[in-house]
C-alpha atoms as a PDB file:
ATOM      1  CA  MET A   1      24.744 -15.596-109.194  1.00  0.00           C
ATOM      2  CA  ILE A   2      25.370 -11.969-111.624  1.00  0.00           C
ATOM      3  CA  LEU A   3      29.355 -12.636-111.062  1.00  0.00           C
ATOM      4  CA  THR A   4      30.766 -10.470-113.534  1.00  0.00           C
ATOM      5  CA  ASN A   5      29.497  -8.072-111.432  1.00  0.00           C
ATOM      6  CA  ARG A   6      32.318  -7.047-108.956  1.00  0.00           C
ATOM      7  CA  GLU A   7      30.087  -6.187-106.512  1.00  0.00           C
ATOM      8  CA  GLN A   8      28.114  -8.905-106.857  1.00  0.00           C
ATOM      9  CA  ALA A   9      31.130 -11.257-106.987  1.00  0.00           C
ATOM     10  CA  LEU A  10      32.163  -9.555-104.368  1.00  0.00           C
ATOM     11  CA  LEU A  11      29.271 -10.639-101.636  1.00  0.00           C
ATOM     12  CA  GLU A  12      29.110 -13.832-102.559  1.00  0.00           C
ATOM     13  CA  LEU A  13      33.258 -14.366-101.880  1.00  0.00           C
ATOM     14  CA  ASP A  14      32.822 -16.475 -99.092  1.00  0.00           C
ATOM     15  CA  VAL A  15      30.612 -18.973-101.266  1.00  0.00           C
ATOM     16  CA  LEU A  16      32.537 -19.312-103.922  1.00  0.00           C
ATOM     17  CA  MET A  17      35.670 -19.679-101.614  1.00  0.00           C
ATOM     18  CA  THR A  18      34.428 -23.181-100.162  1.00  0.00           C
ATOM     19  CA  ALA A  19      32.878 -24.349-103.136  1.00  0.00           C
ATOM     20  CA  ASP A  20      33.495 -27.918-104.404  1.00  0.00           C
ATOM     21  CA  LEU A  21      31.824 -27.793-107.689  1.00  0.00           C
ATOM     22  CA  ILE A  22      30.825 -24.659-109.689  1.00  0.00           C
ATOM     23  CA  PHE A  23      28.720 -24.892-113.385  1.00  0.00           C
ATOM     24  CA  ILE A  24      29.121 -22.432-115.923  1.00  0.00           C
ATOM     25  CA  ASP A  25      26.200 -21.873-118.338  1.00  0.00           C
ATOM     26  CA  ALA A  26      27.078 -18.212-119.207  1.00  0.00           C
ATOM     27  CA  ALA A  27      25.966 -16.600-122.151  1.00  0.00           C
ATOM     28  CA  LYS A  28      28.296 -18.042-124.766  1.00  0.00           C
ATOM     29  CA  ASP A  29      29.707 -14.721-125.788  1.00  0.00           C
ATOM     30  CA  GLY A  30      33.235 -14.890-125.560  1.00  0.00           C
ATOM     31  CA  GLN A  31      33.009 -12.427-123.019  1.00  0.00           C
ATOM     32  CA  MET A  32      31.460 -13.078-120.498  1.00  0.00           C
ATOM     33  CA  GLU A  33      32.483 -16.855-119.850  1.00  0.00           C
ATOM     34  CA  GLN A  34      35.952 -15.209-120.237  1.00  0.00           C
ATOM     35  CA  LYS A  35      35.453 -12.268-117.127  1.00  0.00           C
ATOM     36  CA  LEU A  36      34.275 -15.442-114.711  1.00  0.00           C
ATOM     37  CA  CYS A  37      37.517 -17.321-115.832  1.00  0.00           C
ATOM     38  CA  ASN A  38      39.885 -13.708-114.561  1.00  0.00           C
ATOM     39  CA  LEU A  39      37.194 -13.598-111.446  1.00  0.00           C
ATOM     40  CA  LEU A  40      37.720 -17.490-110.487  1.00  0.00           C
ATOM     41  CA  ASP A  41      41.864 -16.748-111.185  1.00  0.00           C
ATOM     42  CA  ASN A  42      41.565 -14.267-108.085  1.00  0.00           C
ATOM     43  CA  VAL A  43      40.017 -16.325-105.876  1.00  0.00           C
ATOM     44  CA  PRO A  44      41.509 -17.636-103.133  1.00  0.00           C
ATOM     45  CA  PHE A  45      40.138 -20.943-103.035  1.00  0.00           C
ATOM     46  CA  CYS A  46      40.150 -22.878 -99.806  1.00  0.00           C
ATOM     47  CA  LYS A  47      40.360 -26.034-102.188  1.00  0.00           C
ATOM     48  CA  SER A  48      40.436 -26.538-105.479  1.00  0.00           C
ATOM     49  CA  PRO A  49      36.791 -26.452-107.105  1.00  0.00           C
ATOM     50  CA  ILE A  50      35.523 -28.598-110.305  1.00  0.00           C
ATOM     51  CA  VAL A  51      34.309 -26.252-112.434  1.00  0.00           C
ATOM     52  CA  VAL A  52      31.706 -27.739-115.519  1.00  0.00           C
ATOM     53  CA  PHE A  53      31.715 -25.314-118.154  1.00  0.00           C
ATOM     54  CA  ASP A  54      28.427 -26.046-120.569  1.00  0.00           C
ATOM     55  CA  ASP A  55      28.445 -26.062-124.609  1.00  0.00           C
ATOM     56  CA  ILE A  56      32.158 -25.481-124.749  1.00  0.00           C
ATOM     57  CA  LYS A  57      31.670 -27.059-128.760  1.00  0.00           C
ATOM     58  CA  PHE A  58      29.687 -23.424-129.460  1.00  0.00           C
ATOM     59  CA  THR A  59      32.183 -21.309-131.780  1.00  0.00           C
ATOM     60  CA  SER A  60      31.896 -18.887-129.193  1.00  0.00           C
ATOM     61  CA  MET A  61      33.322 -21.000-126.556  1.00  0.00           C
ATOM     62  CA  ILE A  62      35.794 -22.999-128.357  1.00  0.00           C
ATOM     63  CA  LYS A  63      38.581 -19.424-127.587  1.00  0.00           C
ATOM     64  CA  THR A  64      37.619 -20.291-124.249  1.00  0.00           C
ATOM     65  CA  TRP A  65      37.421 -23.184-123.218  1.00  0.00           C
ATOM     66  CA  ARG A  66      41.278 -23.786-125.481  1.00  0.00           C
ATOM     67  CA  CYS A  67      42.626 -20.498-123.127  1.00  0.00           C
ATOM     68  CA  ILE A  68      41.692 -22.211-119.814  1.00  0.00           C
ATOM     69  CA  GLN A  69      45.319 -22.914-118.473  1.00  0.00           C
ATOM     70  CA  HIS A  70      44.509 -25.655-115.723  1.00  0.00           C
ATOM     71  CA  PRO A  71      44.078 -29.622-115.960  1.00  0.00           C
ATOM     72  CA  LYS A  72      40.855 -30.116-117.555  1.00  0.00           C
ATOM     73  CA  LEU A  73      38.714 -32.426-119.972  1.00  0.00           C
ATOM     74  CA  ASP A  74      36.551 -32.332-122.625  1.00  0.00           C
ATOM     75  CA  LEU A  75      33.684 -35.089-121.407  1.00  0.00           C
ATOM     76  CA  THR A  76      31.256 -34.179-124.141  1.00  0.00           C
ATOM     77  CA  SER A  77      30.771 -37.582-125.814  1.00  0.00           C
ATOM     78  CA  PHE A  78      29.379 -38.315-122.141  1.00  0.00           C
ATOM     79  CA  GLY A  79      27.889 -35.222-121.557  1.00  0.00           C
ATOM     80  CA  HIS A  80      25.673 -32.460-123.424  1.00  0.00           C
ATOM     81  CA  TRP A  81      25.709 -32.698-127.607  1.00  0.00           C
ATOM     82  CA  SER A  82      26.475 -29.244-127.799  1.00  0.00           C
ATOM     83  CA  GLY A  83      29.738 -29.688-125.222  1.00  0.00           C
ATOM     84  CA  THR A  84      30.924 -30.769-121.532  1.00  0.00           C
ATOM     85  CA  GLY A  85      33.750 -29.443-119.745  1.00  0.00           C
ATOM     86  CA  LEU A  86      35.506 -30.243-116.411  1.00  0.00           C
ATOM     87  CA  VAL A  87      38.219 -28.178-115.229  1.00  0.00           C
ATOM     88  CA  ASP A  88      40.127 -28.888-112.318  1.00  0.00           C
ATOM     89  CA  TRP A  89      40.337 -24.641-110.924  1.00  0.00           C
ATOM     90  CA  HIS A  90      43.778 -24.543-109.246  1.00  0.00           C
END
């Protein structure tokens, strides 16, 4: 899904609202990931999903990862060599 496109995101809102797990493996350009975080902050979730971020150790992802204001855990030593992060998005 291209969720950085507002119209596409609205079409998928029912899927997002009921998601248990969301995996984000985006462009790592420092912009797409922030747009996705902003989108997720505005989704009226039925219950708090776990959001998995890939490549959180990439230079372009460090600021985005640090700015997430939800409970999070860096699982890089258990996950992908370039970084794996879990976020309780509530």
